N, C-alpha and C. Protein backbone atom coordinates (compact mmCIF):
# COMPACT_ATOMS: atom_id res chain seq x y z
N MET A 1 -22.18 -11.86 12.27
CA MET A 1 -22.36 -10.83 11.23
C MET A 1 -21.37 -9.64 11.41
N LYS A 2 -21.08 -9.39 12.69
CA LYS A 2 -20.24 -8.19 12.98
C LYS A 2 -18.72 -8.63 12.65
N THR A 3 -18.41 -9.99 12.92
CA THR A 3 -17.15 -10.34 12.62
C THR A 3 -16.82 -10.46 11.13
N ASP A 4 -17.86 -10.76 10.30
CA ASP A 4 -17.71 -10.80 8.83
C ASP A 4 -17.33 -9.44 8.50
N LYS A 5 -17.97 -8.40 8.92
CA LYS A 5 -17.85 -7.01 8.50
C LYS A 5 -16.35 -6.66 8.91
N GLN A 6 -15.93 -6.94 10.13
CA GLN A 6 -14.54 -6.56 10.49
C GLN A 6 -13.49 -7.21 9.75
N TYR A 7 -13.81 -8.50 9.34
CA TYR A 7 -12.86 -9.33 8.46
C TYR A 7 -12.73 -8.66 7.09
N ARG A 8 -13.88 -8.24 6.55
CA ARG A 8 -13.84 -7.54 5.24
C ARG A 8 -13.11 -6.26 5.23
N ILE A 9 -13.23 -5.50 6.42
CA ILE A 9 -12.38 -4.28 6.46
C ILE A 9 -10.99 -4.65 6.46
N ASP A 10 -10.62 -5.65 7.24
CA ASP A 10 -9.19 -6.14 7.27
C ASP A 10 -8.69 -6.54 5.92
N LEU A 11 -9.50 -7.29 5.24
CA LEU A 11 -9.19 -7.71 4.00
C LEU A 11 -9.04 -6.62 2.99
N TRP A 12 -9.83 -5.66 2.96
CA TRP A 12 -9.72 -4.47 2.07
C TRP A 12 -8.47 -3.57 2.39
N ILE A 13 -8.15 -3.46 3.68
CA ILE A 13 -6.84 -2.83 4.05
C ILE A 13 -5.68 -3.55 3.56
N PHE A 14 -5.71 -4.92 3.61
CA PHE A 14 -4.51 -5.78 3.16
C PHE A 14 -4.54 -5.58 1.62
N ILE A 15 -5.57 -5.67 0.92
CA ILE A 15 -5.57 -5.49 -0.53
C ILE A 15 -5.11 -4.16 -0.90
N GLY A 16 -5.47 -3.11 -0.24
CA GLY A 16 -4.88 -1.68 -0.45
C GLY A 16 -3.46 -1.66 -0.23
N SER A 17 -2.88 -2.31 0.72
CA SER A 17 -1.43 -2.27 1.01
C SER A 17 -0.66 -3.04 -0.21
N VAL A 18 -1.27 -4.14 -0.70
CA VAL A 18 -0.65 -4.90 -1.80
C VAL A 18 -0.73 -3.99 -3.04
N ILE A 19 -1.83 -3.29 -3.27
CA ILE A 19 -2.04 -2.43 -4.49
C ILE A 19 -0.94 -1.30 -4.43
N VAL A 20 -0.70 -0.65 -3.32
CA VAL A 20 0.28 0.38 -3.03
C VAL A 20 1.66 -0.21 -3.38
N LEU A 21 1.99 -1.42 -2.96
CA LEU A 21 3.29 -2.03 -3.17
C LEU A 21 3.43 -2.28 -4.64
N LEU A 22 2.54 -2.85 -5.24
CA LEU A 22 2.70 -3.20 -6.74
C LEU A 22 2.75 -1.97 -7.52
N TYR A 23 2.01 -0.90 -7.06
CA TYR A 23 2.04 0.38 -7.89
C TYR A 23 3.56 0.90 -7.82
N LEU A 24 4.14 0.92 -6.64
CA LEU A 24 5.49 1.42 -6.56
C LEU A 24 6.54 0.63 -7.34
N ILE A 25 6.39 -0.73 -7.32
CA ILE A 25 7.16 -1.62 -8.12
C ILE A 25 7.09 -1.31 -9.54
N ILE A 26 5.92 -1.18 -10.10
CA ILE A 26 5.61 -0.82 -11.49
C ILE A 26 6.17 0.53 -11.87
N MET A 27 5.87 1.42 -10.97
CA MET A 27 6.49 2.79 -11.16
C MET A 27 8.04 2.85 -11.26
N ASN A 28 8.61 2.08 -10.37
CA ASN A 28 10.15 2.01 -10.41
C ASN A 28 10.71 1.48 -11.64
N ILE A 29 10.02 0.25 -12.09
CA ILE A 29 10.43 -0.46 -13.38
C ILE A 29 10.22 0.58 -14.46
N MET A 30 9.14 1.20 -14.55
CA MET A 30 8.81 2.12 -15.70
C MET A 30 9.78 3.26 -15.79
N PHE A 31 10.15 3.90 -14.62
CA PHE A 31 11.06 4.95 -14.76
C PHE A 31 12.47 4.62 -14.84
N ASP A 32 12.91 3.40 -14.45
CA ASP A 32 14.18 2.95 -14.61
C ASP A 32 14.44 2.49 -16.01
N ASN A 33 13.49 2.03 -16.75
CA ASN A 33 13.56 1.59 -18.15
C ASN A 33 13.31 2.78 -19.13
N GLU A 34 12.93 3.91 -18.68
CA GLU A 34 12.57 5.08 -19.41
C GLU A 34 11.72 4.76 -20.57
N TYR A 35 10.50 4.28 -20.22
CA TYR A 35 9.45 4.14 -21.33
C TYR A 35 9.12 5.51 -21.88
N ASN A 36 8.83 5.42 -23.14
CA ASN A 36 8.54 6.71 -23.96
C ASN A 36 7.06 6.97 -23.96
N SER A 37 6.22 6.20 -23.35
CA SER A 37 4.73 6.44 -23.38
C SER A 37 4.34 7.59 -22.46
N THR A 38 4.12 8.80 -23.11
CA THR A 38 3.82 9.90 -22.29
C THR A 38 2.55 9.86 -21.58
N VAL A 39 1.52 9.16 -22.24
CA VAL A 39 0.19 8.99 -21.58
C VAL A 39 0.35 8.20 -20.34
N LEU A 40 1.01 7.11 -20.42
CA LEU A 40 1.19 6.26 -19.23
C LEU A 40 1.93 7.04 -18.20
N ARG A 41 2.95 7.63 -18.58
CA ARG A 41 3.84 8.47 -17.49
C ARG A 41 2.93 9.58 -16.94
N ALA A 42 2.12 10.22 -17.64
CA ALA A 42 1.18 11.24 -17.09
C ALA A 42 0.19 10.67 -16.13
N ILE A 43 -0.32 9.54 -16.51
CA ILE A 43 -1.38 8.85 -15.64
C ILE A 43 -0.71 8.39 -14.28
N MET A 44 0.56 7.87 -14.45
CA MET A 44 1.25 7.46 -13.23
C MET A 44 1.66 8.63 -12.40
N GLU A 45 1.97 9.80 -12.90
CA GLU A 45 2.26 10.93 -12.10
C GLU A 45 1.04 11.54 -11.44
N LEU A 46 -0.10 11.43 -12.13
CA LEU A 46 -1.25 11.95 -11.59
C LEU A 46 -1.89 11.08 -10.35
N ILE A 47 -1.63 9.76 -10.27
CA ILE A 47 -2.01 9.06 -9.17
C ILE A 47 -1.02 8.77 -8.11
N THR A 48 0.21 9.20 -8.29
CA THR A 48 1.18 9.06 -7.34
C THR A 48 0.92 9.63 -5.96
N ILE A 49 0.41 10.82 -5.83
CA ILE A 49 0.18 11.49 -4.59
C ILE A 49 -0.97 10.74 -3.95
N PRO A 50 -2.17 10.37 -4.56
CA PRO A 50 -3.08 9.65 -3.77
C PRO A 50 -2.59 8.25 -3.29
N ILE A 51 -1.81 7.62 -4.20
CA ILE A 51 -1.34 6.26 -3.77
C ILE A 51 -0.36 6.44 -2.50
N PHE A 52 0.46 7.45 -2.54
CA PHE A 52 1.29 7.71 -1.43
C PHE A 52 0.52 8.00 -0.15
N THR A 53 -0.61 8.77 -0.35
CA THR A 53 -1.33 9.12 0.78
C THR A 53 -2.01 7.81 1.48
N ILE A 54 -2.52 7.07 0.56
CA ILE A 54 -3.10 5.79 0.96
C ILE A 54 -2.04 4.86 1.67
N GLY A 55 -0.94 4.85 1.02
CA GLY A 55 0.14 4.00 1.61
C GLY A 55 0.64 4.57 3.06
N ALA A 56 0.52 5.84 3.17
CA ALA A 56 0.88 6.40 4.62
C ALA A 56 -0.21 6.13 5.61
N PHE A 57 -1.35 6.11 5.25
CA PHE A 57 -2.38 5.86 6.28
C PHE A 57 -2.75 4.43 6.59
N ILE A 58 -2.36 3.44 5.71
CA ILE A 58 -2.66 2.11 5.95
C ILE A 58 -2.00 1.59 7.17
N PRO A 59 -0.77 1.86 7.52
CA PRO A 59 -0.20 1.27 8.75
C PRO A 59 -0.80 1.99 9.94
N LEU A 60 -1.18 3.32 9.91
CA LEU A 60 -1.77 3.97 10.98
C LEU A 60 -3.19 3.30 11.37
N ILE A 61 -3.89 3.00 10.20
CA ILE A 61 -5.21 2.30 10.41
C ILE A 61 -5.00 0.91 11.08
N VAL A 62 -4.09 0.21 10.55
CA VAL A 62 -3.81 -1.14 11.02
C VAL A 62 -3.45 -1.10 12.64
N ILE A 63 -2.49 -0.19 12.97
CA ILE A 63 -2.07 0.03 14.26
C ILE A 63 -3.26 0.38 15.19
N PHE A 64 -4.04 1.32 14.81
CA PHE A 64 -5.19 1.77 15.56
C PHE A 64 -6.16 0.63 15.65
N ARG A 65 -6.46 -0.12 14.68
CA ARG A 65 -7.38 -1.24 14.84
C ARG A 65 -6.78 -2.35 15.76
N GLY A 66 -5.47 -2.48 15.76
CA GLY A 66 -4.80 -3.39 16.65
C GLY A 66 -4.91 -3.03 18.05
N ILE A 67 -4.69 -1.68 18.29
CA ILE A 67 -4.75 -1.20 19.66
C ILE A 67 -6.18 -1.23 20.25
N THR A 68 -7.17 -0.98 19.40
CA THR A 68 -8.59 -1.03 19.87
C THR A 68 -9.15 -2.39 19.77
N LYS A 69 -8.36 -3.34 19.38
CA LYS A 69 -8.77 -4.75 19.17
C LYS A 69 -10.07 -5.00 18.29
N ARG A 70 -9.96 -4.25 17.17
CA ARG A 70 -11.04 -4.53 16.19
C ARG A 70 -10.60 -5.41 15.13
N THR A 71 -9.34 -5.81 15.11
CA THR A 71 -8.88 -6.64 14.06
C THR A 71 -9.49 -8.04 14.28
N GLU A 72 -10.04 -8.73 13.28
CA GLU A 72 -10.67 -9.99 13.33
C GLU A 72 -9.53 -10.96 13.09
N SER A 73 -8.62 -10.74 12.12
CA SER A 73 -7.64 -11.62 11.77
C SER A 73 -6.28 -11.00 12.05
N ARG A 74 -5.65 -11.55 13.09
CA ARG A 74 -4.33 -11.01 13.42
C ARG A 74 -3.28 -11.28 12.36
N SER A 75 -3.36 -12.51 11.73
CA SER A 75 -2.38 -12.76 10.61
C SER A 75 -2.60 -11.84 9.53
N LEU A 76 -3.79 -11.39 9.14
CA LEU A 76 -3.92 -10.53 8.05
C LEU A 76 -3.40 -9.11 8.48
N ALA A 77 -3.51 -8.73 9.69
CA ALA A 77 -2.90 -7.45 10.17
C ALA A 77 -1.47 -7.49 10.03
N ILE A 78 -0.86 -8.60 10.42
CA ILE A 78 0.65 -8.81 10.37
C ILE A 78 1.11 -8.78 8.91
N LEU A 79 0.37 -9.33 7.92
CA LEU A 79 0.72 -9.31 6.51
C LEU A 79 0.59 -7.90 5.98
N THR A 80 -0.43 -7.22 6.45
CA THR A 80 -0.63 -5.80 6.00
C THR A 80 0.64 -4.91 6.44
N MET A 81 1.07 -5.13 7.73
CA MET A 81 2.11 -4.34 8.15
C MET A 81 3.41 -4.79 7.43
N LEU A 82 3.54 -6.07 7.04
CA LEU A 82 4.70 -6.52 6.30
C LEU A 82 4.68 -5.80 4.92
N PHE A 83 3.62 -5.86 4.17
CA PHE A 83 3.54 -5.14 2.88
C PHE A 83 3.77 -3.64 3.10
N SER A 84 3.26 -3.05 4.14
CA SER A 84 3.60 -1.60 4.33
C SER A 84 5.10 -1.31 4.66
N LEU A 85 5.72 -2.21 5.34
CA LEU A 85 7.12 -2.16 5.63
C LEU A 85 7.92 -2.30 4.29
N LEU A 86 7.45 -3.20 3.50
CA LEU A 86 8.06 -3.37 2.12
C LEU A 86 7.97 -2.12 1.26
N THR A 87 6.79 -1.57 1.33
CA THR A 87 6.51 -0.23 0.63
C THR A 87 7.42 0.81 1.09
N GLY A 88 7.60 0.94 2.46
CA GLY A 88 8.59 1.91 2.91
C GLY A 88 9.97 1.75 2.48
N ILE A 89 10.38 0.42 2.33
CA ILE A 89 11.75 0.17 2.04
C ILE A 89 11.86 0.59 0.45
N ILE A 90 10.88 0.25 -0.37
CA ILE A 90 10.90 0.63 -1.75
C ILE A 90 10.98 2.09 -1.99
N ILE A 91 10.13 2.83 -1.13
CA ILE A 91 10.17 4.31 -1.17
C ILE A 91 11.61 4.82 -0.89
N GLY A 92 12.16 4.31 0.20
CA GLY A 92 13.49 4.70 0.54
C GLY A 92 14.52 4.30 -0.54
N TYR A 93 14.39 3.10 -1.03
CA TYR A 93 15.38 2.64 -2.17
C TYR A 93 15.22 3.54 -3.34
N SER A 94 14.03 3.91 -3.73
CA SER A 94 13.86 4.69 -4.93
C SER A 94 14.27 6.18 -4.75
N THR A 95 14.13 6.57 -3.42
CA THR A 95 14.60 7.99 -3.22
C THR A 95 16.16 8.10 -3.31
N LEU A 96 16.82 7.00 -2.89
CA LEU A 96 18.31 7.08 -2.99
C LEU A 96 18.77 6.93 -4.42
N LEU A 97 18.02 6.43 -5.34
CA LEU A 97 18.42 6.26 -6.70
C LEU A 97 18.56 7.64 -7.40
């Protein structure tokens, strides 16, 4: 039972990292193509700071869970760190544009 709970936590952290990555990709595409939808642009600007905050804490949570050996699925933790690394690369790329 305890392992199922730990696996669910790992899975939700992974899903969160994928959501952050997809949000950044959609945001970059939207601002590069200069969409005229002011409502969509306003919504994207409102949720940018919470998404960046979540994206910043996900690698810290994964590293902490790895150090304390609470991760149930090592491969899921590695995938989460990979998506977090890709998120960092996209943030750096979009900052340079």
